[in-house]
Structures are given as structure tokens and as C-alpha cells.
Amino acid sequence: MKNKLTDLNNHLFAQLERLSDEGLSLEQIEQEAKRADAIVSISDQIMRNADLSLRACKLVADHGDRFLNHLPMLAKPE
């Protein structure tokens, strides 16, 4: 499994291509639309998580490491 934002972007464009396929039946379009809704929902959560991580990194960059004990996801592995 890949876990990069570029992979997410690729999945979103692949879904867009599937939705744009003019050869799909009505049933297939409905199925792809449901799949697209699920992908968008998960993508939104991934982007919110990435934004939160970025804001945490910015907090440390702007204010030093005094907040690190409150941000365990930024701690260095032991």
C-alpha cells in the first residue's frame, strides 16, 4: 500500500477518468459515483490530517521545540 499524497492525487484522477468513460452503463455510472463519494470522503480526511501535521510542524518551526511534548506525532523515534 502506498501512503503518499501524490498517490492520493493519482487515485483521484483515476477515478475522474473512470467517471468520464462514456461507455459506462447507467448502473456502472451509479457504482462509480458511489465509489467516487467514498474516495472523496477518505481523501478529505487524509487532507485534514496532512494539514494538521503541517500546522504542527509550523508551530515547532515558529516557536521551537517547547511544544514537542504535546505533539507526540512529531517526536523522534527512540
C-alpha atoms as a PDB file:
ATOM      1  CA  MET A   1       0.000   0.000   0.000  1.00  0.00           C
ATOM      2  CA  LYS A   2       1.283   3.438  -0.884  1.00  0.00           C
ATOM      3  CA  ASN A   3       0.854   6.291   1.529  1.00  0.00           C
ATOM      4  CA  LYS A   4       1.918   9.475  -0.234  1.00  0.00           C
ATOM      5  CA  LEU A   5      -0.190  12.467  -1.151  1.00  0.00           C
ATOM      6  CA  THR A   6       0.960  12.047  -4.753  1.00  0.00           C
ATOM      7  CA  ASP A   7      -0.631   8.591  -4.715  1.00  0.00           C
ATOM      8  CA  LEU A   8      -3.867  10.116  -3.449  1.00  0.00           C
ATOM      9  CA  ASN A   9      -3.745  12.597  -6.319  1.00  0.00           C
ATOM     10  CA  ASN A  10      -3.260   9.724  -8.770  1.00  0.00           C
ATOM     11  CA  HIS A  11      -6.260   7.867  -7.309  1.00  0.00           C
ATOM     12  CA  LEU A  12      -8.434  10.964  -7.618  1.00  0.00           C
ATOM     13  CA  PHE A  13      -7.504  11.458 -11.261  1.00  0.00           C
ATOM     14  CA  ALA A  14      -8.012   7.761 -11.988  1.00  0.00           C
ATOM     15  CA  GLN A  15     -11.500   7.999 -10.510  1.00  0.00           C
ATOM     16  CA  LEU A  16     -12.200  11.086 -12.595  1.00  0.00           C
ATOM     17  CA  GLU A  17     -11.177   9.142 -15.695  1.00  0.00           C
ATOM     18  CA  ARG A  18     -13.496   6.261 -14.738  1.00  0.00           C
ATOM     19  CA  LEU A  19     -16.380   8.702 -14.259  1.00  0.00           C
ATOM     20  CA  SER A  20     -15.633  10.262 -17.650  1.00  0.00           C
ATOM     21  CA  ASP A  21     -15.862   6.930 -19.506  1.00  0.00           C
ATOM     22  CA  GLU A  22     -18.702   7.449 -21.988  1.00  0.00           C
ATOM     23  CA  GLY A  23     -19.101   3.695 -22.455  1.00  0.00           C
ATOM     24  CA  LEU A  24     -20.436   3.112 -18.953  1.00  0.00           C
ATOM     25  CA  SER A  25     -23.971   1.901 -18.417  1.00  0.00           C
ATOM     26  CA  LEU A  26     -26.260   3.738 -16.008  1.00  0.00           C
ATOM     27  CA  GLU A  27     -25.612   1.046 -13.394  1.00  0.00           C
ATOM     28  CA  GLN A  28     -21.840   1.367 -13.835  1.00  0.00           C
ATOM     29  CA  ILE A  29     -22.062   5.167 -13.567  1.00  0.00           C
ATOM     30  CA  GLU A  30     -24.008   4.833 -10.320  1.00  0.00           C
ATOM     31  CA  GLN A  31     -21.418   2.382  -8.983  1.00  0.00           C
ATOM     32  CA  GLU A  32     -18.542   4.693  -9.936  1.00  0.00           C
ATOM     33  CA  ALA A  33     -20.365   7.667  -8.408  1.00  0.00           C
ATOM     34  CA  LYS A  34     -20.689   5.766  -5.110  1.00  0.00           C
ATOM     35  CA  ARG A  35     -17.025   4.824  -5.309  1.00  0.00           C
ATOM     36  CA  ALA A  36     -16.137   8.467  -6.014  1.00  0.00           C
ATOM     37  CA  ASP A  37     -18.122   9.600  -2.968  1.00  0.00           C
ATOM     38  CA  ALA A  38     -16.212   7.130  -0.780  1.00  0.00           C
ATOM     39  CA  ILE A  39     -12.876   8.188  -2.254  1.00  0.00           C
ATOM     40  CA  VAL A  40     -13.673  11.879  -1.731  1.00  0.00           C
ATOM     41  CA  SER A  41     -14.718  11.254   1.868  1.00  0.00           C
ATOM     42  CA  ILE A  42     -11.500   9.404   2.674  1.00  0.00           C
ATOM     43  CA  SER A  43      -9.418  11.919   0.707  1.00  0.00           C
ATOM     44  CA  ASP A  44     -10.894  14.798   2.682  1.00  0.00           C
ATOM     45  CA  GLN A  45      -9.905  13.115   5.940  1.00  0.00           C
ATOM     46  CA  ILE A  46      -6.381  12.424   4.636  1.00  0.00           C
ATOM     47  CA  MET A  47      -6.008  16.061   3.618  1.00  0.00           C
ATOM     48  CA  ARG A  48      -7.259  17.283   7.007  1.00  0.00           C
ATOM     49  CA  ASN A  49      -4.717  15.009   8.684  1.00  0.00           C
ATOM     50  CA  ALA A  50      -1.925  16.271   6.424  1.00  0.00           C
ATOM     51  CA  ASP A  51      -2.942  19.864   7.154  1.00  0.00           C
ATOM     52  CA  LEU A  52      -2.891  19.193  10.892  1.00  0.00           C
ATOM     53  CA  SER A  53       0.592  17.678  10.637  1.00  0.00           C
ATOM     54  CA  LEU A  54       1.798  20.647   8.630  1.00  0.00           C
ATOM     55  CA  ARG A  55       0.376  23.100  11.167  1.00  0.00           C
ATOM     56  CA  ALA A  56       2.078  21.162  13.988  1.00  0.00           C
ATOM     57  CA  CYS A  57       5.405  21.342  12.149  1.00  0.00           C
ATOM     58  CA  LYS A  58       4.912  25.066  11.592  1.00  0.00           C
ATOM     59  CA  LEU A  59       4.203  25.533  15.298  1.00  0.00           C
ATOM     60  CA  VAL A  60       7.511  23.887  16.152  1.00  0.00           C
ATOM     61  CA  ALA A  61       9.332  25.851  13.438  1.00  0.00           C
ATOM     62  CA  ASP A  62       7.887  29.139  14.680  1.00  0.00           C
ATOM     63  CA  HIS A  63       8.167  28.530  18.427  1.00  0.00           C
ATOM     64  CA  GLY A  64      10.921  25.985  18.933  1.00  0.00           C
ATOM     65  CA  ASP A  65      10.581  22.590  20.497  1.00  0.00           C
ATOM     66  CA  ARG A  66       8.794  23.695  23.692  1.00  0.00           C
ATOM     67  CA  PHE A  67       5.548  22.222  22.280  1.00  0.00           C
ATOM     68  CA  LEU A  68       7.010  18.846  21.282  1.00  0.00           C
ATOM     69  CA  ASN A  69       5.832  17.087  24.435  1.00  0.00           C
ATOM     70  CA  HIS A  70       2.260  17.983  23.366  1.00  0.00           C
ATOM     71  CA  LEU A  71       2.833  16.753  19.807  1.00  0.00           C
ATOM     72  CA  PRO A  72       3.837  13.080  20.107  1.00  0.00           C
ATOM     73  CA  MET A  73       3.410  12.532  16.367  1.00  0.00           C
ATOM     74  CA  LEU A  74       6.403  14.822  15.812  1.00  0.00           C
ATOM     75  CA  ALA A  75       8.658  13.122  18.349  1.00  0.00           C
ATOM     76  CA  LYS A  76      11.761  11.394  17.098  1.00  0.00           C
ATOM     77  CA  PRO A  77      11.594   7.588  17.240  1.00  0.00           C
ATOM     78  CA  GLU A  78      13.509   6.090  20.146  1.00  0.00           C
END
